[in-house]
Amino acid sequence: ISSGEPLDKSSLTALLSNGRIISLSVIMGLPAILAMLWLAIRLSRTRFADYLALRWPSWRMLAAGIAGMVVLMMAWEVISRVAGRESSPGFMMDVLKTARADGALWLLVFAFCVAAPVTEEFFARGFLYRGWSESFLRPAGAILLSSAVWTMMHLQYNWFFLAQVFSIGLLLGYLRYRSNSTWLTVVLHGINNLAATVQTIWLANNS
């Protein structure tokens, strides 16, 4: 695309699915989100770590969370096979291929499995859940609403994968409630993204 030339639809789509660009935007967005959360939490005169429930969960809760995530993803795998749908969204495949072509696969793995889980969980299951759970919504309403907001952050997917994202959000929200630990949801989110990335790499290599 030459300088000053407007982006057409195909060029814009290619830009928004470029693995290196997405990875860099996710990684660079992390400190900005953390700064915004810190400023907002400072107004409540609560310690940052306390407000976001940044405490390590018990090993029992971690094991239960992993088991729950495995069962949920296995259920969605069965549903996708029965419905004749792809196991990995096309968007992820495009992102992976462009990242690999640019030699930025390692950057993509870090962005998806570390930076994105920290950013999204601190915001959704940390900040939003804490505020809403102490309002008239109570924990149940906070879990539902934070899951809906988190799902809206993934509108690059079609409705089938958005339903999957929402269900994961409900599970993570419930685990946040039971464990009182946002680090638990960060770890589980990272593990899930890593599994999805490995699956996409495998599918790309065998396609």
Protein backbone atom coordinates (compact mmCIF):
# COMPACT_ATOMS: atom_id res chain seq x y z
CA ILE A 1 0.00 0.00 0.00
CA SER A 2 1.57 3.27 -1.06
CA SER A 3 1.71 6.30 1.20
CA GLY A 4 -1.53 8.26 1.21
CA GLU A 5 -3.48 5.52 -0.53
CA PRO A 6 -6.73 4.65 1.29
CA LEU A 7 -7.17 1.14 2.60
CA ASP A 8 -9.65 -0.99 0.71
CA LYS A 9 -11.61 -3.77 2.45
CA SER A 10 -9.19 -6.57 1.53
CA SER A 11 -6.15 -4.57 2.62
CA LEU A 12 -7.81 -3.65 5.91
CA THR A 13 -8.75 -7.29 6.55
CA ALA A 14 -5.17 -8.38 5.85
CA LEU A 15 -3.86 -5.69 8.20
CA LEU A 16 -6.20 -6.67 11.03
CA SER A 17 -5.24 -10.34 10.73
CA ASN A 18 -1.49 -9.74 10.57
CA GLY A 19 0.08 -11.80 13.34
CA ARG A 20 3.01 -9.50 14.04
CA ILE A 21 0.86 -6.35 14.16
CA ILE A 22 -1.69 -7.99 16.46
CA SER A 23 1.01 -9.36 18.74
CA LEU A 24 2.74 -6.00 19.09
CA SER A 25 -0.54 -4.20 19.74
CA VAL A 26 -1.49 -6.67 22.48
CA ILE A 27 1.93 -6.48 24.14
CA MET A 28 2.16 -2.69 23.95
CA GLY A 29 -1.40 -2.33 25.20
CA LEU A 30 -0.63 -4.19 28.44
CA PRO A 31 1.18 -1.35 30.26
CA ALA A 32 -1.46 1.15 29.13
CA ILE A 33 -4.28 -1.00 30.54
CA LEU A 34 -2.39 -1.57 33.78
CA ALA A 35 -1.84 2.18 34.16
CA MET A 36 -5.54 2.91 33.57
CA LEU A 37 -6.58 0.26 36.09
CA TRP A 38 -4.10 1.58 38.64
CA LEU A 39 -5.47 5.12 38.32
CA ALA A 40 -9.08 3.95 38.60
CA ILE A 41 -8.36 1.72 41.60
CA ARG A 42 -6.37 4.47 43.32
CA LEU A 43 -9.58 6.49 43.59
CA SER A 44 -11.08 3.73 45.74
CA ARG A 45 -8.15 3.96 48.16
CA THR A 46 -7.72 0.20 47.95
CA ARG A 47 -4.43 -1.52 47.27
CA PHE A 48 -4.08 -2.51 43.62
CA ALA A 49 -3.39 -6.17 44.40
CA ASP A 50 -6.26 -6.37 46.90
CA TYR A 51 -8.81 -4.78 44.58
CA LEU A 52 -7.94 -7.12 41.73
CA ALA A 53 -7.63 -10.18 44.01
CA LEU A 54 -4.04 -10.79 42.93
CA ARG A 55 -3.41 -13.67 45.28
CA TRP A 56 -2.22 -17.15 44.37
CA PRO A 57 -4.96 -19.81 44.55
CA SER A 58 -4.64 -23.12 46.32
CA TRP A 59 -3.27 -26.03 44.31
CA ARG A 60 -6.64 -27.70 44.75
CA MET A 61 -8.44 -24.78 43.08
CA LEU A 62 -5.85 -24.73 40.31
CA ALA A 63 -6.35 -28.44 39.66
CA ALA A 64 -10.14 -28.01 39.73
CA GLY A 65 -9.90 -25.09 37.33
CA ILE A 66 -7.76 -27.02 34.87
CA ALA A 67 -10.12 -29.99 35.05
CA GLY A 68 -13.12 -27.74 34.47
CA MET A 69 -11.48 -26.06 31.48
CA VAL A 70 -10.53 -29.42 29.95
CA VAL A 71 -14.10 -30.74 30.31
CA LEU A 72 -15.56 -27.55 28.82
CA MET A 73 -13.23 -27.53 25.83
CA MET A 74 -13.79 -31.23 25.20
CA ALA A 75 -17.53 -30.56 25.17
CA TRP A 76 -17.05 -27.77 22.61
CA GLU A 77 -14.84 -30.04 20.51
CA VAL A 78 -17.64 -32.61 20.39
CA ILE A 79 -20.17 -29.91 19.52
CA SER A 80 -17.97 -28.56 16.72
CA ARG A 81 -17.54 -32.03 15.24
CA VAL A 82 -21.27 -32.79 15.41
CA ALA A 83 -22.07 -29.42 13.86
CA GLY A 84 -19.42 -29.93 11.17
CA ARG A 85 -17.50 -26.82 12.14
CA GLU A 86 -13.78 -26.16 12.23
CA SER A 87 -12.04 -26.70 15.57
CA SER A 88 -10.03 -23.50 15.14
CA PRO A 89 -11.46 -20.23 13.78
CA GLY A 90 -10.18 -19.06 10.41
CA PHE A 91 -9.06 -15.79 11.98
CA MET A 92 -6.58 -17.64 14.19
CA MET A 93 -5.25 -19.57 11.21
CA ASP A 94 -4.64 -16.35 9.26
CA VAL A 95 -2.93 -14.71 12.23
CA LEU A 96 -0.69 -17.73 12.75
CA LYS A 97 0.35 -17.97 9.10
CA THR A 98 1.25 -14.28 8.84
CA ALA A 99 3.17 -14.40 12.14
CA ARG A 100 5.14 -17.43 10.98
CA ALA A 101 5.84 -15.82 7.61
CA ASP A 102 7.24 -12.74 9.39
CA GLY A 103 9.32 -14.84 11.79
CA ALA A 104 7.18 -13.57 14.69
CA LEU A 105 5.63 -16.82 15.89
CA TRP A 106 7.37 -16.53 19.27
CA LEU A 107 5.97 -13.01 19.61
CA LEU A 108 2.48 -14.29 18.87
CA VAL A 109 2.75 -17.03 21.49
CA PHE A 110 3.87 -14.50 24.13
CA ALA A 111 1.10 -12.05 23.20
CA PHE A 112 -1.68 -14.66 23.19
CA CYS A 113 -0.54 -16.76 26.14
CA VAL A 114 0.88 -14.12 28.51
CA ALA A 115 0.05 -10.52 27.62
CA ALA A 116 -3.56 -11.07 26.55
CA PRO A 117 -4.55 -13.22 29.56
CA VAL A 118 -3.07 -10.69 31.99
CA THR A 119 -4.72 -7.72 30.27
CA GLU A 120 -8.13 -9.31 29.81
CA GLU A 121 -8.34 -11.02 33.20
CA PHE A 122 -7.18 -8.00 35.18
CA PHE A 123 -9.90 -6.00 33.40
CA ALA A 124 -12.80 -8.47 33.22
CA ARG A 125 -12.43 -10.85 36.16
CA GLY A 126 -10.42 -8.38 38.24
CA PHE A 127 -11.68 -4.82 37.82
CA LEU A 128 -15.18 -5.30 36.39
CA TYR A 129 -16.07 -8.30 38.55
CA ARG A 130 -14.94 -6.60 41.76
CA GLY A 131 -16.99 -3.47 41.14
CA TRP A 132 -20.12 -5.20 39.88
CA SER A 133 -20.10 -7.97 42.49
CA GLU A 134 -20.33 -5.33 45.22
CA SER A 135 -23.30 -3.63 43.54
CA PHE A 136 -26.91 -4.76 43.25
CA LEU A 137 -25.75 -7.25 40.60
CA ARG A 138 -24.05 -9.37 43.25
CA PRO A 139 -21.56 -12.11 42.16
CA ALA A 140 -23.98 -13.90 39.81
CA GLY A 141 -24.78 -10.75 37.88
CA ALA A 142 -21.12 -9.74 37.85
CA ILE A 143 -20.14 -13.10 36.37
CA LEU A 144 -22.76 -12.81 33.62
CA LEU A 145 -22.07 -9.19 32.74
CA SER A 146 -18.27 -9.43 32.84
CA SER A 147 -18.49 -12.53 30.62
CA ALA A 148 -20.64 -10.60 28.14
CA VAL A 149 -18.17 -7.68 28.06
CA TRP A 150 -15.26 -10.08 27.64
CA THR A 151 -17.09 -11.80 24.77
CA MET A 152 -17.58 -8.43 23.05
CA MET A 153 -13.80 -8.02 23.12
CA HIS A 154 -13.59 -10.98 20.70
CA LEU A 155 -15.90 -9.84 17.90
CA GLN A 156 -13.37 -11.01 15.30
CA TYR A 157 -14.94 -14.46 15.70
CA ASN A 158 -18.27 -15.74 14.37
CA TRP A 159 -21.26 -16.48 16.59
CA PHE A 160 -20.23 -20.10 17.18
CA PHE A 161 -16.85 -19.19 18.65
CA LEU A 162 -18.38 -16.21 20.49
CA ALA A 163 -20.67 -18.69 22.27
CA GLN A 164 -17.58 -20.68 23.20
CA VAL A 165 -15.85 -17.55 24.50
CA PHE A 166 -18.91 -16.64 26.59
CA SER A 167 -19.02 -20.10 28.16
CA ILE A 168 -15.32 -19.86 29.03
CA GLY A 169 -16.02 -16.48 30.57
CA LEU A 170 -18.75 -17.97 32.76
CA LEU A 171 -16.39 -20.69 33.96
CA LEU A 172 -13.59 -18.23 34.68
CA GLY A 173 -16.02 -15.92 36.46
CA TYR A 174 -17.29 -18.75 38.64
CA LEU A 175 -13.72 -19.78 39.48
CA ARG A 176 -12.88 -16.16 40.30
CA TYR A 177 -15.82 -16.14 42.71
CA ARG A 178 -14.96 -19.47 44.33
CA SER A 179 -11.22 -18.87 44.65
CA ASN A 180 -11.16 -15.09 45.17
CA SER A 181 -8.09 -15.16 42.93
CA THR A 182 -7.65 -13.41 39.60
CA TRP A 183 -4.27 -15.09 39.16
CA LEU A 184 -6.15 -18.36 38.84
CA THR A 185 -8.13 -17.08 35.86
CA VAL A 186 -4.98 -15.57 34.32
CA VAL A 187 -3.23 -18.94 34.46
CA LEU A 188 -6.23 -20.84 33.10
CA HIS A 189 -6.74 -18.26 30.36
CA GLY A 190 -3.08 -18.59 29.38
CA ILE A 191 -3.24 -22.38 29.35
CA ASN A 192 -6.38 -22.31 27.19
CA ASN A 193 -4.81 -19.86 24.72
CA LEU A 194 -1.64 -21.95 24.57
CA ALA A 195 -3.68 -25.07 23.82
CA ALA A 196 -5.60 -23.20 21.11
CA THR A 197 -2.34 -21.90 19.60
CA VAL A 198 -0.76 -25.36 19.56
CA GLN A 199 -3.94 -26.79 17.99
CA THR A 200 -3.90 -24.10 15.29
CA ILE A 201 -0.23 -24.76 14.56
CA TRP A 202 -0.97 -28.48 14.24
CA LEU A 203 -3.92 -27.87 11.93
CA ALA A 204 -1.85 -25.48 9.80
CA ASN A 205 0.93 -28.05 9.47
CA ASN A 206 -1.54 -30.75 8.42
CA SER A 207 -3.74 -28.72 6.12
